[in-house]
Amino acid sequence: MADVLTSSEAARLCGVSFRTVIRWIERGQLQGYRLPGRGDYRVPVAELRRFMQANAIPEPPELQRDLPRRILIVEDEPDMARAMSRVLKRAGFETASAGDGFQAGLMLHSYQPGLMTLDLRMPGVDGFAVLRSLREKPLPFSCKVLVVSADTARLDQARALGADGVLAKPFANAELLSAVRSLYGVE
């Protein structure tokens, strides 16, 4: 898929008419631009994803398949982070690790992962604070969140705060890969 869409392509992905997309752009709700001379509108894919997430418009599978195969592992236990990274790298993903929610916040914009695994219980900024922050200020790019935690009693709360998926610790390597592939829309 191209990095920039026409207003008609953006409309089809959102399930609305192209005139609605043009109104969103003209009102400043959706960042787009006009081509000089022709007046046709263009919308960057990253901006459309941000807009869809901010307005609870489900992302169609064709946008989800374009997610970068980068995964940010947010885990305060170094052995667990290394083990997860090893499994994901063997499956063809790129990984980076953050030891807490604060470090994750610093890395998100520069690394721009397509998916973030997030532990709930961490020192300092915990996983719930990260989820609340993402809800209040959505990222300008699409990033799925897979909560991976031993705090099984609070997994539903994580989903309510915006987690796209949950995985209880301890887990088998195959379960981690299955959850990641499911969020990426690949098998």
C-alpha atoms as a PDB file:
ATOM      1  CA  MET A   1       0.000   0.000   0.000  1.00  0.00           C
ATOM      2  CA  ALA A   2       1.198   3.517  -0.798  1.00  0.00           C
ATOM      3  CA  ASP A   3       2.273   5.940   1.941  1.00  0.00           C
ATOM      4  CA  VAL A   4      -0.330   8.478   0.763  1.00  0.00           C
ATOM      5  CA  LEU A   5      -3.981   7.878  -0.150  1.00  0.00           C
ATOM      6  CA  THR A   6      -6.520   9.780  -2.214  1.00  0.00           C
ATOM      7  CA  SER A   7      -9.612  11.065  -0.404  1.00  0.00           C
ATOM      8  CA  SER A   8     -11.604   8.277  -2.109  1.00  0.00           C
ATOM      9  CA  GLU A   9      -9.198   5.584  -0.897  1.00  0.00           C
ATOM     10  CA  ALA A  10      -9.276   7.013   2.647  1.00  0.00           C
ATOM     11  CA  ALA A  11     -13.073   7.122   2.505  1.00  0.00           C
ATOM     12  CA  ARG A  12     -13.308   3.481   1.421  1.00  0.00           C
ATOM     13  CA  LEU A  13     -11.058   2.405   4.314  1.00  0.00           C
ATOM     14  CA  CYS A  14     -13.170   4.397   6.808  1.00  0.00           C
ATOM     15  CA  GLY A  15     -16.494   3.288   5.324  1.00  0.00           C
ATOM     16  CA  VAL A  16     -17.659   6.837   4.512  1.00  0.00           C
ATOM     17  CA  SER A  17     -18.058   8.979   1.378  1.00  0.00           C
ATOM     18  CA  PHE A  18     -15.085  10.886  -0.020  1.00  0.00           C
ATOM     19  CA  ARG A  19     -16.965  14.131   0.728  1.00  0.00           C
ATOM     20  CA  THR A  20     -16.906  13.233   4.435  1.00  0.00           C
ATOM     21  CA  VAL A  21     -13.120  12.797   4.283  1.00  0.00           C
ATOM     22  CA  ILE A  22     -12.791  16.193   2.588  1.00  0.00           C
ATOM     23  CA  ARG A  23     -14.907  17.785   5.357  1.00  0.00           C
ATOM     24  CA  TRP A  24     -12.661  16.169   8.005  1.00  0.00           C
ATOM     25  CA  ILE A  25      -9.612  17.650   6.281  1.00  0.00           C
ATOM     26  CA  GLU A  26     -11.181  21.095   5.867  1.00  0.00           C
ATOM     27  CA  ARG A  27     -12.225  21.157   9.545  1.00  0.00           C
ATOM     28  CA  GLY A  28      -8.692  20.206  10.616  1.00  0.00           C
ATOM     29  CA  GLN A  29      -9.778  16.883  12.141  1.00  0.00           C
ATOM     30  CA  LEU A  30      -7.750  14.855   9.632  1.00  0.00           C
ATOM     31  CA  GLN A  31      -4.409  16.107   8.352  1.00  0.00           C
ATOM     32  CA  GLY A  32      -4.248  16.070   4.570  1.00  0.00           C
ATOM     33  CA  TYR A  33      -3.196  18.321   1.733  1.00  0.00           C
ATOM     34  CA  ARG A  34      -4.323  19.469  -1.700  1.00  0.00           C
ATOM     35  CA  LEU A  35      -2.371  18.836  -4.857  1.00  0.00           C
ATOM     36  CA  PRO A  36      -1.351  22.093  -6.549  1.00  0.00           C
ATOM     37  CA  GLY A  37      -3.342  22.894  -9.656  1.00  0.00           C
ATOM     38  CA  ARG A  38      -5.774  19.980  -9.410  1.00  0.00           C
ATOM     39  CA  GLY A  39      -7.215  20.478  -5.957  1.00  0.00           C
ATOM     40  CA  ASP A  40      -7.373  16.744  -5.216  1.00  0.00           C
ATOM     41  CA  TYR A  41      -6.802  15.813  -1.581  1.00  0.00           C
ATOM     42  CA  ARG A  42      -4.187  13.370  -0.282  1.00  0.00           C
ATOM     43  CA  VAL A  43      -3.986  11.792   3.182  1.00  0.00           C
ATOM     44  CA  PRO A  44      -0.821  10.158   4.583  1.00  0.00           C
ATOM     45  CA  VAL A  45      -1.513   6.570   5.709  1.00  0.00           C
ATOM     46  CA  ALA A  46       0.076   7.209   9.139  1.00  0.00           C
ATOM     47  CA  GLU A  47      -2.274  10.162   9.661  1.00  0.00           C
ATOM     48  CA  LEU A  48      -5.303   8.122   8.588  1.00  0.00           C
ATOM     49  CA  ARG A  49      -4.347   5.396  11.084  1.00  0.00           C
ATOM     50  CA  ARG A  50      -3.994   8.001  13.860  1.00  0.00           C
ATOM     51  CA  PHE A  51      -7.382   9.495  12.958  1.00  0.00           C
ATOM     52  CA  MET A  52      -9.077   6.077  12.836  1.00  0.00           C
ATOM     53  CA  GLN A  53      -7.642   5.113  16.219  1.00  0.00           C
ATOM     54  CA  ALA A  54      -8.599   8.460  17.811  1.00  0.00           C
ATOM     55  CA  ASN A  55     -12.169   8.136  16.502  1.00  0.00           C
ATOM     56  CA  ALA A  56     -12.654   4.408  17.227  1.00  0.00           C
ATOM     57  CA  ILE A  57     -12.906   3.524  13.536  1.00  0.00           C
ATOM     58  CA  PRO A  58     -11.755  -0.100  13.134  1.00  0.00           C
ATOM     59  CA  GLU A  59      -8.658  -0.511  10.979  1.00  0.00           C
ATOM     60  CA  PRO A  60      -9.356  -2.712   7.971  1.00  0.00           C
ATOM     61  CA  PRO A  61      -7.084  -5.763   7.570  1.00  0.00           C
ATOM     62  CA  GLU A  62      -5.297  -4.256   4.554  1.00  0.00           C
ATOM     63  CA  LEU A  63      -3.943  -1.441   6.769  1.00  0.00           C
ATOM     64  CA  GLN A  64      -3.011  -3.838   9.561  1.00  0.00           C
ATOM     65  CA  ARG A  65      -0.907  -5.977   7.213  1.00  0.00           C
ATOM     66  CA  ASP A  66       1.290  -2.970   6.555  1.00  0.00           C
ATOM     67  CA  LEU A  67       2.342  -2.652  10.195  1.00  0.00           C
ATOM     68  CA  PRO A  68       6.112  -2.568  10.556  1.00  0.00           C
ATOM     69  CA  ARG A  69       7.468  -5.888  11.790  1.00  0.00           C
ATOM     70  CA  ARG A  70       9.127  -4.043  14.685  1.00  0.00           C
ATOM     71  CA  ILE A  71       8.116  -4.969  18.207  1.00  0.00           C
ATOM     72  CA  LEU A  72       8.895  -2.961  21.325  1.00  0.00           C
ATOM     73  CA  ILE A  73       9.119  -5.277  24.339  1.00  0.00           C
ATOM     74  CA  VAL A  74       8.271  -3.356  27.516  1.00  0.00           C
ATOM     75  CA  GLU A  75       9.376  -5.650  30.338  1.00  0.00           C
ATOM     76  CA  ASP A  76      11.253  -4.928  33.578  1.00  0.00           C
ATOM     77  CA  GLU A  77      12.674  -8.460  33.909  1.00  0.00           C
ATOM     78  CA  PRO A  78      15.727  -8.618  31.585  1.00  0.00           C
ATOM     79  CA  ASP A  79      15.644 -12.439  31.274  1.00  0.00           C
ATOM     80  CA  MET A  80      11.994 -12.380  30.199  1.00  0.00           C
ATOM     81  CA  ALA A  81      12.656  -9.550  27.714  1.00  0.00           C
ATOM     82  CA  ARG A  82      15.602 -11.466  26.196  1.00  0.00           C
ATOM     83  CA  ALA A  83      13.561 -14.673  25.939  1.00  0.00           C
ATOM     84  CA  MET A  84      10.677 -12.892  24.227  1.00  0.00           C
ATOM     85  CA  SER A  85      13.079 -11.123  21.877  1.00  0.00           C
ATOM     86  CA  ARG A  86      14.769 -14.393  20.927  1.00  0.00           C
ATOM     87  CA  VAL A  87      11.426 -16.055  20.057  1.00  0.00           C
ATOM     88  CA  LEU A  88      10.196 -13.058  18.059  1.00  0.00           C
ATOM     89  CA  LYS A  89      13.469 -12.609  16.167  1.00  0.00           C
ATOM     90  CA  ARG A  90      13.419 -16.276  15.131  1.00  0.00           C
ATOM     91  CA  ALA A  91       9.962 -15.632  13.676  1.00  0.00           C
ATOM     92  CA  GLY A  92      11.280 -12.737  11.571  1.00  0.00           C
ATOM     93  CA  PHE A  93      10.437  -9.732  13.735  1.00  0.00           C
ATOM     94  CA  GLU A  94      12.758  -6.890  14.721  1.00  0.00           C
ATOM     95  CA  THR A  95      12.762  -6.165  18.452  1.00  0.00           C
ATOM     96  CA  ALA A  96      13.867  -3.510  20.914  1.00  0.00           C
ATOM     97  CA  SER A  97      13.394  -3.522  24.684  1.00  0.00           C
ATOM     98  CA  ALA A  98      12.380  -0.947  27.271  1.00  0.00           C
ATOM     99  CA  GLY A  99      12.731  -1.655  31.002  1.00  0.00           C
ATOM    100  CA  ASP A 100       9.765   0.464  32.114  1.00  0.00           C
ATOM    101  CA  GLY A 101       6.925   2.615  30.857  1.00  0.00           C
ATOM    102  CA  PHE A 102       8.959   5.817  30.892  1.00  0.00           C
ATOM    103  CA  GLN A 103      11.656   4.331  28.668  1.00  0.00           C
ATOM    104  CA  ALA A 104       8.931   2.899  26.409  1.00  0.00           C
ATOM    105  CA  GLY A 105       7.456   6.386  25.989  1.00  0.00           C
ATOM    106  CA  LEU A 106      10.855   7.706  24.943  1.00  0.00           C
ATOM    107  CA  MET A 107      11.406   4.884  22.447  1.00  0.00           C
ATOM    108  CA  LEU A 108       7.942   4.726  20.856  1.00  0.00           C
ATOM    109  CA  HIS A 109       8.330   7.727  18.558  1.00  0.00           C
ATOM    110  CA  SER A 110      11.853   6.963  17.379  1.00  0.00           C
ATOM    111  CA  TYR A 111      11.424   3.182  16.970  1.00  0.00           C
ATOM    112  CA  GLN A 112       7.803   3.311  15.698  1.00  0.00           C
ATOM    113  CA  PRO A 113       6.907  -0.341  16.320  1.00  0.00           C
ATOM    114  CA  GLY A 114       3.914  -1.996  14.738  1.00  0.00           C
ATOM    115  CA  LEU A 115       3.312  -3.779  18.045  1.00  0.00           C
ATOM    116  CA  MET A 116       4.297  -3.284  21.673  1.00  0.00           C
ATOM    117  CA  THR A 117       4.256  -6.004  24.314  1.00  0.00           C
ATOM    118  CA  LEU A 118       3.526  -4.417  27.660  1.00  0.00           C
ATOM    119  CA  ASP A 119       3.971  -5.759  31.177  1.00  0.00           C
ATOM    120  CA  LEU A 120       1.521  -4.301  33.680  1.00  0.00           C
ATOM    121  CA  ARG A 121       3.618  -4.427  36.856  1.00  0.00           C
ATOM    122  CA  MET A 122       6.792  -2.389  36.483  1.00  0.00           C
ATOM    123  CA  PRO A 123       8.572   0.089  38.737  1.00  0.00           C
ATOM    124  CA  GLY A 124       7.908   3.763  38.079  1.00  0.00           C
ATOM    125  CA  VAL A 125       5.577   4.126  35.108  1.00  0.00           C
ATOM    126  CA  ASP A 126       3.594   0.872  34.949  1.00  0.00           C
ATOM    127  CA  GLY A 127       1.662  -0.664  32.068  1.00  0.00           C
ATOM    128  CA  PHE A 128      -1.646   0.890  33.114  1.00  0.00           C
ATOM    129  CA  ALA A 129      -0.095   4.374  32.990  1.00  0.00           C
ATOM    130  CA  VAL A 130       1.206   3.620  29.476  1.00  0.00           C
ATOM    131  CA  LEU A 131      -2.261   2.476  28.334  1.00  0.00           C
ATOM    132  CA  ARG A 132      -3.895   5.583  29.831  1.00  0.00           C
ATOM    133  CA  SER A 133      -1.316   7.788  28.126  1.00  0.00           C
ATOM    134  CA  LEU A 134      -1.956   6.127  24.748  1.00  0.00           C
ATOM    135  CA  ARG A 135      -5.690   6.601  25.220  1.00  0.00           C
ATOM    136  CA  GLU A 136      -5.312  10.301  26.070  1.00  0.00           C
ATOM    137  CA  LYS A 137      -2.796  11.041  23.304  1.00  0.00           C
ATOM    138  CA  PRO A 138      -2.863   8.472  20.494  1.00  0.00           C
ATOM    139  CA  LEU A 139       0.323   7.834  18.563  1.00  0.00           C
ATOM    140  CA  PRO A 140       0.693   9.367  15.087  1.00  0.00           C
ATOM    141  CA  PHE A 141       1.260   5.847  13.718  1.00  0.00           C
ATOM    142  CA  SER A 142      -0.469   2.522  14.187  1.00  0.00           C
ATOM    143  CA  CYS A 143       0.855   0.391  17.037  1.00  0.00           C
ATOM    144  CA  LYS A 144      -1.004  -2.585  18.491  1.00  0.00           C
ATOM    145  CA  VAL A 145      -0.596  -3.300  22.223  1.00  0.00           C
ATOM    146  CA  LEU A 146      -0.294  -6.839  23.566  1.00  0.00           C
ATOM    147  CA  VAL A 147      -0.360  -6.892  27.360  1.00  0.00           C
ATOM    148  CA  VAL A 148       1.823  -9.725  28.670  1.00  0.00           C
ATOM    149  CA  SER A 149       1.449 -10.007  32.430  1.00  0.00           C
ATOM    150  CA  ALA A 150       1.305 -12.358  35.402  1.00  0.00           C
ATOM    151  CA  ASP A 151      -1.338 -10.041  36.909  1.00  0.00           C
ATOM    152  CA  THR A 152      -4.126 -12.151  35.395  1.00  0.00           C
ATOM    153  CA  ALA A 153      -6.807 -10.603  37.608  1.00  0.00           C
ATOM    154  CA  ARG A 154      -6.311  -7.246  35.843  1.00  0.00           C
ATOM    155  CA  LEU A 155      -6.075  -8.345  32.204  1.00  0.00           C
ATOM    156  CA  ASP A 156      -9.703  -7.330  31.552  1.00  0.00           C
ATOM    157  CA  GLN A 157      -8.940  -3.894  32.975  1.00  0.00           C
ATOM    158  CA  ALA A 158      -6.024  -3.622  30.519  1.00  0.00           C
ATOM    159  CA  ARG A 159      -8.373  -4.491  27.641  1.00  0.00           C
ATOM    160  CA  ALA A 160     -10.812  -1.825  28.818  1.00  0.00           C
ATOM    161  CA  LEU A 161      -7.973   0.726  28.750  1.00  0.00           C
ATOM    162  CA  GLY A 162      -7.239  -0.078  25.110  1.00  0.00           C
ATOM    163  CA  ALA A 163      -5.017  -3.171  24.940  1.00  0.00           C
ATOM    164  CA  ASP A 164      -5.553  -4.958  21.614  1.00  0.00           C
ATOM    165  CA  GLY A 165      -4.732  -8.343  23.136  1.00  0.00           C
ATOM    166  CA  VAL A 166      -3.663  -9.986  26.385  1.00  0.00           C
ATOM    167  CA  LEU A 167      -1.405 -12.915  27.239  1.00  0.00           C
ATOM    168  CA  ALA A 168      -1.041 -14.336  30.736  1.00  0.00           C
ATOM    169  CA  LYS A 169       2.397 -15.244  32.136  1.00  0.00           C
ATOM    170  CA  PRO A 170       3.720 -17.868  32.174  1.00  0.00           C
ATOM    171  CA  PHE A 171       3.134 -18.698  28.507  1.00  0.00           C
ATOM    172  CA  ALA A 172       4.552 -21.044  25.904  1.00  0.00           C
ATOM    173  CA  ASN A 173       6.602 -19.591  23.044  1.00  0.00           C
ATOM    174  CA  ALA A 174       3.932 -20.760  20.602  1.00  0.00           C
ATOM    175  CA  GLU A 175       1.294 -18.770  22.539  1.00  0.00           C
ATOM    176  CA  LEU A 176       3.364 -15.590  22.256  1.00  0.00           C
ATOM    177  CA  LEU A 177       3.852 -16.072  18.521  1.00  0.00           C
ATOM    178  CA  SER A 178       0.180 -16.872  18.023  1.00  0.00           C
ATOM    179  CA  ALA A 179      -0.906 -13.705  19.871  1.00  0.00           C
ATOM    180  CA  VAL A 180       1.553 -11.525  17.930  1.00  0.00           C
ATOM    181  CA  ARG A 181       0.614 -13.024  14.567  1.00  0.00           C
ATOM    182  CA  SER A 182      -3.071 -12.633  15.366  1.00  0.00           C
ATOM    183  CA  LEU A 183      -2.633  -8.909  16.058  1.00  0.00           C
ATOM    184  CA  TYR A 184      -0.634  -8.541  12.853  1.00  0.00           C
ATOM    185  CA  GLY A 185      -3.339 -10.398  10.935  1.00  0.00           C
ATOM    186  CA  VAL A 186      -0.941 -13.088   9.679  1.00  0.00           C
ATOM    187  CA  GLU A 187      -0.641 -16.776  10.452  1.00  0.00           C
END
